Amino acid sequence: MALPALGDESHAFGRRDGSSGRTVMSVVRFGSVVVGVTYRIEAVDWTEAYDGDHLEILTRMPVDRARQACEGQAPTARAVL
């Protein structure tokens, strides 16, 4: 799966869980911090929009919050789907 560069390294994976749904995962590293996101989507709710756009949004928020905390700021980043 495609995921834009969100840190020093970023990877995304997806797999089908039989006919019942799909699990999507992302892992981002910046410096010594690693952030991972995993979520499962039922087949009835699955659209290709979840493939990349939503994964990027859901991954960017904890990455931005972790970066803010590492920089001594109060974590304020939010995700809006």
PDB file of N, CA and C in Angstrom:
ATOM      1  N   MET A   1       0.833  -1.185   0.000  1.00  0.00           N
ATOM      2  CA  MET A   1       0.000   0.000   0.000  1.00  0.00           C
ATOM      3  C   MET A   1       0.876   1.246   0.000  1.00  0.00           C
ATOM      4  N   ALA A   2       0.378   2.290  -0.578  1.00  0.00           N
ATOM      5  CA  ALA A   2       1.121   3.551  -0.628  1.00  0.00           C
ATOM      6  C   ALA A   2       0.859   4.371   0.633  1.00  0.00           C
ATOM      7  N   LEU A   3       1.913   4.959   1.153  1.00  0.00           N
ATOM      8  CA  LEU A   3       1.817   5.862   2.292  1.00  0.00           C
ATOM      9  C   LEU A   3       2.883   6.925   2.076  1.00  0.00           C
ATOM     10  N   PRO A   4       2.512   8.211   2.139  1.00  0.00           N
ATOM     11  CA  PRO A   4       3.526   9.248   1.932  1.00  0.00           C
ATOM     12  C   PRO A   4       4.566   9.223   3.049  1.00  0.00           C
ATOM     13  N   ALA A   5       5.704   9.814   2.793  1.00  0.00           N
ATOM     14  CA  ALA A   5       6.756   9.882   3.805  1.00  0.00           C
ATOM     15  C   ALA A   5       6.265  10.717   4.978  1.00  0.00           C
ATOM     16  N   LEU A   6       6.132  10.073   6.139  1.00  0.00           N
ATOM     17  CA  LEU A   6       5.660  10.773   7.332  1.00  0.00           C
ATOM     18  C   LEU A   6       6.758  10.900   8.380  1.00  0.00           C
ATOM     19  N   GLY A   7       7.896  10.356   8.128  1.00  0.00           N
ATOM     20  CA  GLY A   7       9.019  10.407   9.057  1.00  0.00           C
ATOM     21  C   GLY A   7      10.260   9.952   8.329  1.00  0.00           C
ATOM     22  N   ASP A   8      11.224   9.398   9.074  1.00  0.00           N
ATOM     23  CA  ASP A   8      12.429   8.876   8.447  1.00  0.00           C
ATOM     24  C   ASP A   8      12.119   7.628   7.626  1.00  0.00           C
ATOM     25  N   GLU A   9      11.162   6.823   8.094  1.00  0.00           N
ATOM     26  CA  GLU A   9      10.704   5.632   7.369  1.00  0.00           C
ATOM     27  C   GLU A   9       9.215   5.483   7.594  1.00  0.00           C
ATOM     28  N   SER A  10       8.490   5.065   6.560  1.00  0.00           N
ATOM     29  CA  SER A  10       7.060   4.791   6.728  1.00  0.00           C
ATOM     30  C   SER A  10       6.660   3.651   5.794  1.00  0.00           C
ATOM     31  N   HIS A  11       5.840   2.750   6.336  1.00  0.00           N
ATOM     32  CA  HIS A  11       5.391   1.585   5.589  1.00  0.00           C
ATOM     33  C   HIS A  11       3.920   1.343   5.886  1.00  0.00           C
ATOM     34  N   ALA A  12       3.209   0.802   4.913  1.00  0.00           N
ATOM     35  CA  ALA A  12       1.790   0.472   5.093  1.00  0.00           C
ATOM     36  C   ALA A  12       1.531  -0.912   4.518  1.00  0.00           C
ATOM     37  N   PHE A  13       0.624  -1.622   5.153  1.00  0.00           N
ATOM     38  CA  PHE A  13       0.293  -2.986   4.756  1.00  0.00           C
ATOM     39  C   PHE A  13      -1.210  -3.174   4.829  1.00  0.00           C
ATOM     40  N   GLY A  14      -1.728  -4.024   3.996  1.00  0.00           N
ATOM     41  CA  GLY A  14      -3.142  -4.375   4.061  1.00  0.00           C
ATOM     42  C   GLY A  14      -3.309  -5.854   3.788  1.00  0.00           C
ATOM     43  N   ARG A  15      -4.306  -6.448   4.411  1.00  0.00           N
ATOM     44  CA  ARG A  15      -4.590  -7.856   4.134  1.00  0.00           C
ATOM     45  C   ARG A  15      -6.078  -8.090   4.267  1.00  0.00           C
ATOM     46  N   ARG A  16      -6.568  -9.006   3.459  1.00  0.00           N
ATOM     47  CA  ARG A  16      -7.973  -9.400   3.530  1.00  0.00           C
ATOM     48  C   ARG A  16      -8.134 -10.443   4.625  1.00  0.00           C
ATOM     49  N   ASP A  17      -9.181 -10.320   5.389  1.00  0.00           N
ATOM     50  CA  ASP A  17      -9.500 -11.278   6.445  1.00  0.00           C
ATOM     51  C   ASP A  17     -10.640 -12.154   5.956  1.00  0.00           C
ATOM     52  N   GLY A  18     -10.339 -13.014   4.995  1.00  0.00           N
ATOM     53  CA  GLY A  18     -11.382 -13.835   4.391  1.00  0.00           C
ATOM     54  C   GLY A  18     -12.367 -12.945   3.668  1.00  0.00           C
ATOM     55  N   SER A  19     -13.637 -13.287   3.728  1.00  0.00           N
ATOM     56  CA  SER A  19     -14.654 -12.463   3.071  1.00  0.00           C
ATOM     57  C   SER A  19     -15.275 -11.469   4.042  1.00  0.00           C
ATOM     58  N   SER A  20     -14.833 -11.493   5.302  1.00  0.00           N
ATOM     59  CA  SER A  20     -15.486 -10.667   6.317  1.00  0.00           C
ATOM     60  C   SER A  20     -14.907  -9.266   6.457  1.00  0.00           C
ATOM     61  N   GLY A  21     -13.747  -8.994   5.908  1.00  0.00           N
ATOM     62  CA  GLY A  21     -13.207  -7.650   6.063  1.00  0.00           C
ATOM     63  C   GLY A  21     -11.768  -7.532   5.647  1.00  0.00           C
ATOM     64  N   ARG A  22     -11.131  -6.481   6.146  1.00  0.00           N
ATOM     65  CA  ARG A  22      -9.753  -6.195   5.787  1.00  0.00           C
ATOM     66  C   ARG A  22      -9.072  -5.524   6.977  1.00  0.00           C
ATOM     67  N   THR A  23      -7.807  -5.842   7.184  1.00  0.00           N
ATOM     68  CA  THR A  23      -7.007  -5.192   8.215  1.00  0.00           C
ATOM     69  C   THR A  23      -5.949  -4.345   7.518  1.00  0.00           C
ATOM     70  N   VAL A  24      -5.787  -3.113   7.973  1.00  0.00           N
ATOM     71  CA  VAL A  24      -4.843  -2.178   7.390  1.00  0.00           C
ATOM     72  C   VAL A  24      -3.907  -1.707   8.502  1.00  0.00           C
ATOM     73  N   MET A  25      -2.595  -1.690   8.219  1.00  0.00           N
ATOM     74  CA  MET A  25      -1.603  -1.316   9.225  1.00  0.00           C
ATOM     75  C   MET A  25      -0.587  -0.345   8.647  1.00  0.00           C
ATOM     76  N   SER A  26      -0.075   0.535   9.495  1.00  0.00           N
ATOM     77  CA  SER A  26       1.012   1.428   9.094  1.00  0.00           C
ATOM     78  C   SER A  26       2.014   1.515  10.234  1.00  0.00           C
ATOM     79  N   VAL A  27       3.268   1.726   9.867  1.00  0.00           N
ATOM     80  CA  VAL A  27       4.348   1.891  10.841  1.00  0.00           C
ATOM     81  C   VAL A  27       5.213   3.050  10.362  1.00  0.00           C
ATOM     82  N   VAL A  28       5.495   3.980  11.273  1.00  0.00           N
ATOM     83  CA  VAL A  28       6.321   5.140  10.941  1.00  0.00           C
ATOM     84  C   VAL A  28       7.410   5.275  12.002  1.00  0.00           C
ATOM     85  N   ARG A  29       8.628   5.558  11.538  1.00  0.00           N
ATOM     86  CA  ARG A  29       9.737   5.834  12.454  1.00  0.00           C
ATOM     87  C   ARG A  29      10.262   7.223  12.172  1.00  0.00           C
ATOM     88  N   PHE A  30      10.445   7.988  13.242  1.00  0.00           N
ATOM     89  CA  PHE A  30      11.195   9.237  13.128  1.00  0.00           C
ATOM     90  C   PHE A  30      12.134   9.289  14.328  1.00  0.00           C
ATOM     91  N   GLY A  31      13.412   9.391  14.031  1.00  0.00           N
ATOM     92  CA  GLY A  31      14.413   9.282  15.092  1.00  0.00           C
ATOM     93  C   GLY A  31      14.313   7.917  15.744  1.00  0.00           C
ATOM     94  N   SER A  32      14.207   7.893  17.060  1.00  0.00           N
ATOM     95  CA  SER A  32      14.096   6.624  17.778  1.00  0.00           C
ATOM     96  C   SER A  32      12.651   6.275  18.147  1.00  0.00           C
ATOM     97  N   VAL A  33      11.687   7.048  17.672  1.00  0.00           N
ATOM     98  CA  VAL A  33      10.264   6.830  17.982  1.00  0.00           C
ATOM     99  C   VAL A  33       9.610   6.038  16.852  1.00  0.00           C
ATOM    100  N   VAL A  34       8.872   5.000  17.220  1.00  0.00           N
ATOM    101  CA  VAL A  34       8.126   4.202  16.245  1.00  0.00           C
ATOM    102  C   VAL A  34       6.646   4.283  16.599  1.00  0.00           C
ATOM    103  N   VAL A  35       5.826   4.616  15.597  1.00  0.00           N
ATOM    104  CA  VAL A  35       4.379   4.719  15.779  1.00  0.00           C
ATOM    105  C   VAL A  35       3.720   3.712  14.847  1.00  0.00           C
ATOM    106  N   GLY A  36       2.784   2.942  15.365  1.00  0.00           N
ATOM    107  CA  GLY A  36       2.052   1.974  14.548  1.00  0.00           C
ATOM    108  C   GLY A  36       0.552   2.163  14.691  1.00  0.00           C
ATOM    109  N   VAL A  37      -0.164   1.965  13.601  1.00  0.00           N
ATOM    110  CA  VAL A  37      -1.628   2.058  13.588  1.00  0.00           C
ATOM    111  C   VAL A  37      -2.171   0.807  12.917  1.00  0.00           C
ATOM    112  N   THR A  38      -3.164   0.182  13.540  1.00  0.00           N
ATOM    113  CA  THR A  38      -3.828  -0.983  12.962  1.00  0.00           C
ATOM    114  C   THR A  38      -5.326  -0.794  13.107  1.00  0.00           C
ATOM    115  N   TYR A  39      -6.076  -1.039  12.043  1.00  0.00           N
ATOM    116  CA  TYR A  39      -7.527  -1.043  12.176  1.00  0.00           C
ATOM    117  C   TYR A  39      -8.126  -2.057  11.220  1.00  0.00           C
ATOM    118  N   ARG A  40      -9.332  -2.490  11.564  1.00  0.00           N
ATOM    119  CA  ARG A  40     -10.017  -3.519  10.788  1.00  0.00           C
ATOM    120  C   ARG A  40     -11.325  -2.948  10.247  1.00  0.00           C
ATOM    121  N   ILE A  41     -11.608  -3.261   8.999  1.00  0.00           N
ATOM    122  CA  ILE A  41     -12.807  -2.748   8.342  1.00  0.00           C
ATOM    123  C   ILE A  41     -13.645  -3.933   7.877  1.00  0.00           C
ATOM    124  N   GLU A  42     -14.911  -3.920   8.224  1.00  0.00           N
ATOM    125  CA  GLU A  42     -15.807  -4.969   7.760  1.00  0.00           C
ATOM    126  C   GLU A  42     -16.022  -4.833   6.259  1.00  0.00           C
ATOM    127  N   ALA A  43     -16.203  -5.939   5.582  1.00  0.00           N
ATOM    128  CA  ALA A  43     -16.359  -5.948   4.123  1.00  0.00           C
ATOM    129  C   ALA A  43     -17.499  -5.042   3.669  1.00  0.00           C
ATOM    130  N   VAL A  44     -18.548  -4.967   4.442  1.00  0.00           N
ATOM    131  CA  VAL A  44     -19.712  -4.162   4.070  1.00  0.00           C
ATOM    132  C   VAL A  44     -19.356  -2.676   4.017  1.00  0.00           C
ATOM    133  N   ASP A  45     -18.374  -2.245   4.834  1.00  0.00           N
ATOM    134  CA  ASP A  45     -17.976  -0.841   4.906  1.00  0.00           C
ATOM    135  C   ASP A  45     -16.771  -0.517   4.039  1.00  0.00           C
ATOM    136  N   TRP A  46     -16.178  -1.530   3.408  1.00  0.00           N
ATOM    137  CA  TRP A  46     -14.923  -1.346   2.691  1.00  0.00           C
ATOM    138  C   TRP A  46     -15.112  -0.579   1.389  1.00  0.00           C
ATOM    139  N   THR A  47     -14.327   0.441   1.192  1.00  0.00           N
ATOM    140  CA  THR A  47     -14.214   1.131  -0.099  1.00  0.00           C
ATOM    141  C   THR A  47     -12.733   1.408  -0.298  1.00  0.00           C
ATOM    142  N   GLU A  48     -12.328   1.689  -1.482  1.00  0.00           N
ATOM    143  CA  GLU A  48     -10.921   1.960  -1.749  1.00  0.00           C
ATOM    144  C   GLU A  48     -10.432   3.224  -1.043  1.00  0.00           C
ATOM    145  N   ALA A  49     -11.342   4.116  -0.634  1.00  0.00           N
ATOM    146  CA  ALA A  49     -10.931   5.323   0.087  1.00  0.00           C
ATOM    147  C   ALA A  49     -10.215   4.964   1.380  1.00  0.00           C
ATOM    148  N   TYR A  50     -10.635   3.871   2.004  1.00  0.00           N
ATOM    149  CA  TYR A  50      -9.970   3.457   3.241  1.00  0.00           C
ATOM    150  C   TYR A  50      -8.553   2.999   2.977  1.00  0.00           C
ATOM    151  N   ASP A  51      -8.291   2.581   1.771  1.00  0.00           N
ATOM    152  CA  ASP A  51      -6.996   2.016   1.420  1.00  0.00           C
ATOM    153  C   ASP A  51      -5.850   2.977   1.705  1.00  0.00           C
ATOM    154  N   GLY A  52      -5.957   4.209   1.291  1.00  0.00           N
ATOM    155  CA  GLY A  52      -4.851   5.141   1.436  1.00  0.00           C
ATOM    156  C   GLY A  52      -5.190   6.400   2.197  1.00  0.00           C
ATOM    157  N   ASP A  53      -6.245   7.083   1.788  1.00  0.00           N
ATOM    158  CA  ASP A  53      -6.580   8.372   2.386  1.00  0.00           C
ATOM    159  C   ASP A  53      -6.802   8.270   3.889  1.00  0.00           C
ATOM    160  N   HIS A  54      -7.668   7.372   4.304  1.00  0.00           N
ATOM    161  CA  HIS A  54      -7.969   7.251   5.728  1.00  0.00           C
ATOM    162  C   HIS A  54      -6.776   6.725   6.512  1.00  0.00           C
ATOM    163  N   LEU A  55      -6.025   5.807   5.928  1.00  0.00           N
ATOM    164  CA  LEU A  55      -4.844   5.297   6.611  1.00  0.00           C
ATOM    165  C   LEU A  55      -3.845   6.422   6.845  1.00  0.00           C
ATOM    166  N   GLU A  56      -3.641   7.265   5.856  1.00  0.00           N
ATOM    167  CA  GLU A  56      -2.723   8.388   6.028  1.00  0.00           C
ATOM    168  C   GLU A  56      -3.201   9.329   7.136  1.00  0.00           C
ATOM    169  N   ILE A  57      -4.482   9.667   7.132  1.00  0.00           N
ATOM    170  CA  ILE A  57      -5.037  10.566   8.148  1.00  0.00           C
ATOM    171  C   ILE A  57      -4.892   9.955   9.542  1.00  0.00           C
ATOM    172  N   LEU A  58      -5.250   8.670   9.674  1.00  0.00           N
ATOM    173  CA  LEU A  58      -5.188   8.011  10.972  1.00  0.00           C
ATOM    174  C   LEU A  58      -3.752   7.805  11.451  1.00  0.00           C
ATOM    175  N   THR A  59      -2.807   7.721  10.549  1.00  0.00           N
ATOM    176  CA  THR A  59      -1.401   7.556  10.921  1.00  0.00           C
ATOM    177  C   THR A  59      -0.761   8.902  11.236  1.00  0.00           C
ATOM    178  N   ARG A  60      -1.095   9.909  10.464  1.00  0.00           N
ATOM    179  CA  ARG A  60      -0.477  11.228  10.634  1.00  0.00           C
ATOM    180  C   ARG A  60      -0.752  11.806  12.028  1.00  0.00           C
ATOM    181  N   MET A  61      -1.934  11.600  12.580  1.00  0.00           N
ATOM    182  CA  MET A  61      -2.283  12.194  13.864  1.00  0.00           C
ATOM    183  C   MET A  61      -1.371  11.712  14.998  1.00  0.00           C
ATOM    184  N   PRO A  62      -1.212  10.396  15.243  1.00  0.00           N
ATOM    185  CA  PRO A  62      -0.307  10.007  16.343  1.00  0.00           C
ATOM    186  C   PRO A  62       1.158  10.339  16.053  1.00  0.00           C
ATOM    187  N   VAL A  63       1.552  10.333  14.789  1.00  0.00           N
ATOM    188  CA  VAL A  63       2.925  10.721  14.440  1.00  0.00           C
ATOM    189  C   VAL A  63       3.147  12.192  14.787  1.00  0.00           C
ATOM    190  N   ASP A  64       2.200  13.053  14.397  1.00  0.00           N
ATOM    191  CA  ASP A  64       2.325  14.479  14.713  1.00  0.00           C
ATOM    192  C   ASP A  64       2.298  14.718  16.217  1.00  0.00           C
ATOM    193  N   ARG A  65       1.444  13.989  16.943  1.00  0.00           N
ATOM    194  CA  ARG A  65       1.383  14.149  18.406  1.00  0.00           C
ATOM    195  C   ARG A  65       2.688  13.706  19.067  1.00  0.00           C
ATOM    196  N   ALA A  66       3.251  12.599  18.603  1.00  0.00           N
ATOM    197  CA  ALA A  66       4.525  12.126  19.161  1.00  0.00           C
ATOM    198  C   ALA A  66       5.638  13.121  18.859  1.00  0.00           C
ATOM    199  N   ARG A  67       5.646  13.664  17.651  1.00  0.00           N
ATOM    200  CA  ARG A  67       6.665  14.655  17.276  1.00  0.00           C
ATOM    201  C   ARG A  67       6.535  15.903  18.151  1.00  0.00           C
ATOM    202  N   GLN A  68       5.293  16.365  18.358  1.00  0.00           N
ATOM    203  CA  GLN A  68       5.069  17.530  19.209  1.00  0.00           C
ATOM    204  C   GLN A  68       5.597  17.276  20.626  1.00  0.00           C
ATOM    205  N   ALA A  69       5.304  16.097  21.167  1.00  0.00           N
ATOM    206  CA  ALA A  69       5.762  15.761  22.516  1.00  0.00           C
ATOM    207  C   ALA A  69       7.290  15.713  22.580  1.00  0.00           C
ATOM    208  N   CYS A  70       7.922  15.144  21.555  1.00  0.00           N
ATOM    209  CA  CYS A  70       9.391  15.069  21.520  1.00  0.00           C
ATOM    210  C   CYS A  70      10.026  16.449  21.436  1.00  0.00           C
ATOM    211  N   GLU A  71       9.305  17.409  20.849  1.00  0.00           N
ATOM    212  CA  GLU A  71       9.809  18.780  20.725  1.00  0.00           C
ATOM    213  C   GLU A  71       9.449  19.633  21.938  1.00  0.00           C
ATOM    214  N   GLY A  72       8.852  19.010  22.970  1.00  0.00           N
ATOM    215  CA  GLY A  72       8.509  19.730  24.190  1.00  0.00           C
ATOM    216  C   GLY A  72       7.216  20.528  24.121  1.00  0.00           C
ATOM    217  N   GLN A  73       6.425  20.296  23.081  1.00  0.00           N
ATOM    218  CA  GLN A  73       5.140  20.979  22.935  1.00  0.00           C
ATOM    219  C   GLN A  73       4.023  20.118  23.500  1.00  0.00           C
ATOM    220  N   ALA A  74       2.927  20.742  23.835  1.00  0.00           N
ATOM    221  CA  ALA A  74       1.735  19.981  24.231  1.00  0.00           C
ATOM    222  C   ALA A  74       1.166  19.328  22.966  1.00  0.00           C
ATOM    223  N   PRO A  75       0.951  18.020  22.979  1.00  0.00           N
ATOM    224  CA  PRO A  75       0.395  17.352  21.790  1.00  0.00           C
ATOM    225  C   PRO A  75      -1.035  17.827  21.508  1.00  0.00           C
ATOM    226  N   THR A  76      -1.249  18.386  20.326  1.00  0.00           N
ATOM    227  CA  THR A  76      -2.565  18.929  19.972  1.00  0.00           C
ATOM    228  C   THR A  76      -3.083  18.415  18.627  1.00  0.00           C
ATOM    229  N   ALA A  77      -2.270  17.650  17.899  1.00  0.00           N
ATOM    230  CA  ALA A  77      -2.686  17.183  16.565  1.00  0.00           C
ATOM    231  C   ALA A  77      -3.962  16.350  16.673  1.00  0.00           C
ATOM    232  N   ARG A  78      -4.842  16.494  15.691  1.00  0.00           N
ATOM    233  CA  ARG A  78      -6.121  15.768  15.650  1.00  0.00           C
ATOM    234  C   ARG A  78      -6.331  15.194  14.265  1.00  0.00           C
ATOM    235  N   ALA A  79      -7.204  14.184  14.199  1.00  0.00           N
ATOM    236  CA  ALA A  79      -7.562  13.578  12.919  1.00  0.00           C
ATOM    237  C   ALA A  79      -9.036  13.825  12.649  1.00  0.00           C
ATOM    238  N   VAL A  80      -9.356  14.180  11.418  1.00  0.00           N
ATOM    239  CA  VAL A  80     -10.741  14.376  11.000  1.00  0.00           C
ATOM    240  C   VAL A  80     -10.958  13.547   9.746  1.00  0.00           C
ATOM    241  N   LEU A  81     -11.894  12.610   9.820  1.00  0.00           N
ATOM    242  CA  LEU A  81     -12.208  11.761   8.651  1.00  0.00           C
ATOM    243  C   LEU A  81     -13.401  12.307   7.927  1.00  0.00           C
TER     244      LEU A  81
END
